[in-house]
C-alpha atoms as a PDB file:
ATOM      1  CA  UNK A   1     122.361 185.760 162.891  1.00  0.00           C
ATOM      2  CA  UNK A   2     121.775 182.621 165.306  1.00  0.00           C
ATOM      3  CA  UNK A   3     124.618 180.000 165.307  1.00  0.00           C
ATOM      4  CA  UNK A   4     123.463 176.671 163.878  1.00  0.00           C
ATOM      5  CA  UNK A   5     122.359 174.186 166.482  1.00  0.00           C
ATOM      6  CA  UNK A   6     124.900 171.349 167.361  1.00  0.00           C
ATOM      7  CA  UNK A   7     122.291 168.836 167.324  1.00  0.00           C
ATOM      8  CA  UNK A   8     119.439 168.013 164.971  1.00  0.00           C
ATOM      9  CA  UNK A   9     116.158 169.497 166.462  1.00  0.00           C
ATOM     10  CA  UNK A  10     113.092 167.499 167.599  1.00  0.00           C
ATOM     11  CA  UNK A  11     110.827 169.830 168.655  1.00  0.00           C
ATOM     12  CA  UNK A  12     110.780 173.773 169.215  1.00  0.00           C
ATOM     13  CA  UNK A  13     108.651 175.507 171.985  1.00  0.00           C
ATOM     14  CA  UNK A  14     106.612 178.886 171.831  1.00  0.00           C
ATOM     15  CA  UNK A  15     105.796 180.575 175.020  1.00  0.00           C
ATOM     16  CA  UNK A  16     104.156 183.679 175.194  1.00  0.00           C
ATOM     17  CA  UNK A  17     102.811 185.494 178.203  1.00  0.00           C
ATOM     18  CA  UNK A  18     101.143 188.862 177.215  1.00  0.00           C
ATOM     19  CA  UNK A  19     100.802 192.183 179.372  1.00  0.00           C
ATOM     20  CA  UNK A  20      97.444 190.855 180.991  1.00  0.00           C
ATOM     21  CA  UNK A  21      99.551 187.752 182.462  1.00  0.00           C
ATOM     22  CA  UNK A  22      97.675 185.330 179.719  1.00  0.00           C
ATOM     23  CA  UNK A  23     100.104 182.596 178.867  1.00  0.00           C
ATOM     24  CA  UNK A  24     100.202 180.990 175.235  1.00  0.00           C
ATOM     25  CA  UNK A  25     102.726 177.559 175.593  1.00  0.00           C
ATOM     26  CA  UNK A  26     103.046 175.191 172.737  1.00  0.00           C
ATOM     27  CA  UNK A  27     105.459 172.234 171.886  1.00  0.00           C
ATOM     28  CA  UNK A  28     105.746 171.706 168.108  1.00  0.00           C
ATOM     29  CA  UNK A  29     107.549 168.509 167.038  1.00  0.00           C
ATOM     30  CA  UNK A  30     109.721 168.340 164.390  1.00  0.00           C
ATOM     31  CA  UNK A  31     107.349 166.241 162.529  1.00  0.00           C
ATOM     32  CA  UNK A  32     104.251 168.444 162.775  1.00  0.00           C
ATOM     33  CA  UNK A  33     106.664 171.333 160.940  1.00  0.00           C
ATOM     34  CA  UNK A  34     107.550 168.754 158.133  1.00  0.00           C
ATOM     35  CA  UNK A  35     104.244 167.804 157.814  1.00  0.00           C
ATOM     36  CA  UNK A  36     102.985 171.230 157.511  1.00  0.00           C
ATOM     37  CA  UNK A  37     105.539 172.146 154.972  1.00  0.00           C
ATOM     38  CA  UNK A  38     104.962 169.427 152.626  1.00  0.00           C
ATOM     39  CA  UNK A  39     101.346 170.379 152.769  1.00  0.00           C
ATOM     40  CA  UNK A  40     101.996 173.767 152.111  1.00  0.00           C
ATOM     41  CA  UNK A  41     104.488 172.973 149.222  1.00  0.00           C
ATOM     42  CA  UNK A  42     101.847 170.798 147.794  1.00  0.00           C
ATOM     43  CA  UNK A  43      98.992 173.092 147.521  1.00  0.00           C
ATOM     44  CA  UNK A  44     101.337 175.978 146.013  1.00  0.00           C
ATOM     45  CA  UNK A  45     102.411 173.727 143.418  1.00  0.00           C
ATOM     46  CA  UNK A  46      98.801 172.480 142.609  1.00  0.00           C
ATOM     47  CA  UNK A  47      97.036 174.168 139.518  1.00  0.00           C
ATOM     48  CA  UNK A  48      94.752 177.023 140.203  1.00  0.00           C
ATOM     49  CA  UNK A  49      91.057 176.574 138.230  1.00  0.00           C
ATOM     50  CA  UNK A  50      89.186 179.420 137.542  1.00  0.00           C
ATOM     51  CA  UNK A  51      85.685 178.558 136.411  1.00  0.00           C
ATOM     52  CA  UNK A  52      83.942 181.230 134.096  1.00  0.00           C
ATOM     53  CA  UNK A  53      80.122 181.694 133.729  1.00  0.00           C
ATOM     54  CA  UNK A  54      79.470 179.185 131.133  1.00  0.00           C
ATOM     55  CA  UNK A  55      81.218 176.395 133.348  1.00  0.00           C
ATOM     56  CA  UNK A  56      79.035 173.485 134.441  1.00  0.00           C
ATOM     57  CA  UNK A  57      77.828 173.783 138.085  1.00  0.00           C
ATOM     58  CA  UNK A  58      79.677 171.688 140.770  1.00  0.00           C
END
């Protein structure tokens, strides 16, 4: 288990190179992570609506 960081983080970096030398590099800001987490949390808490055969067409 990694130790807790000494400072608050502001971004993280994904840097992957595959066996063919193709590189994927992406910096992700903390704000992006927090916004995506909030969207996912809201979506998970939203009610699920199941329409049956007698439901009006939308």
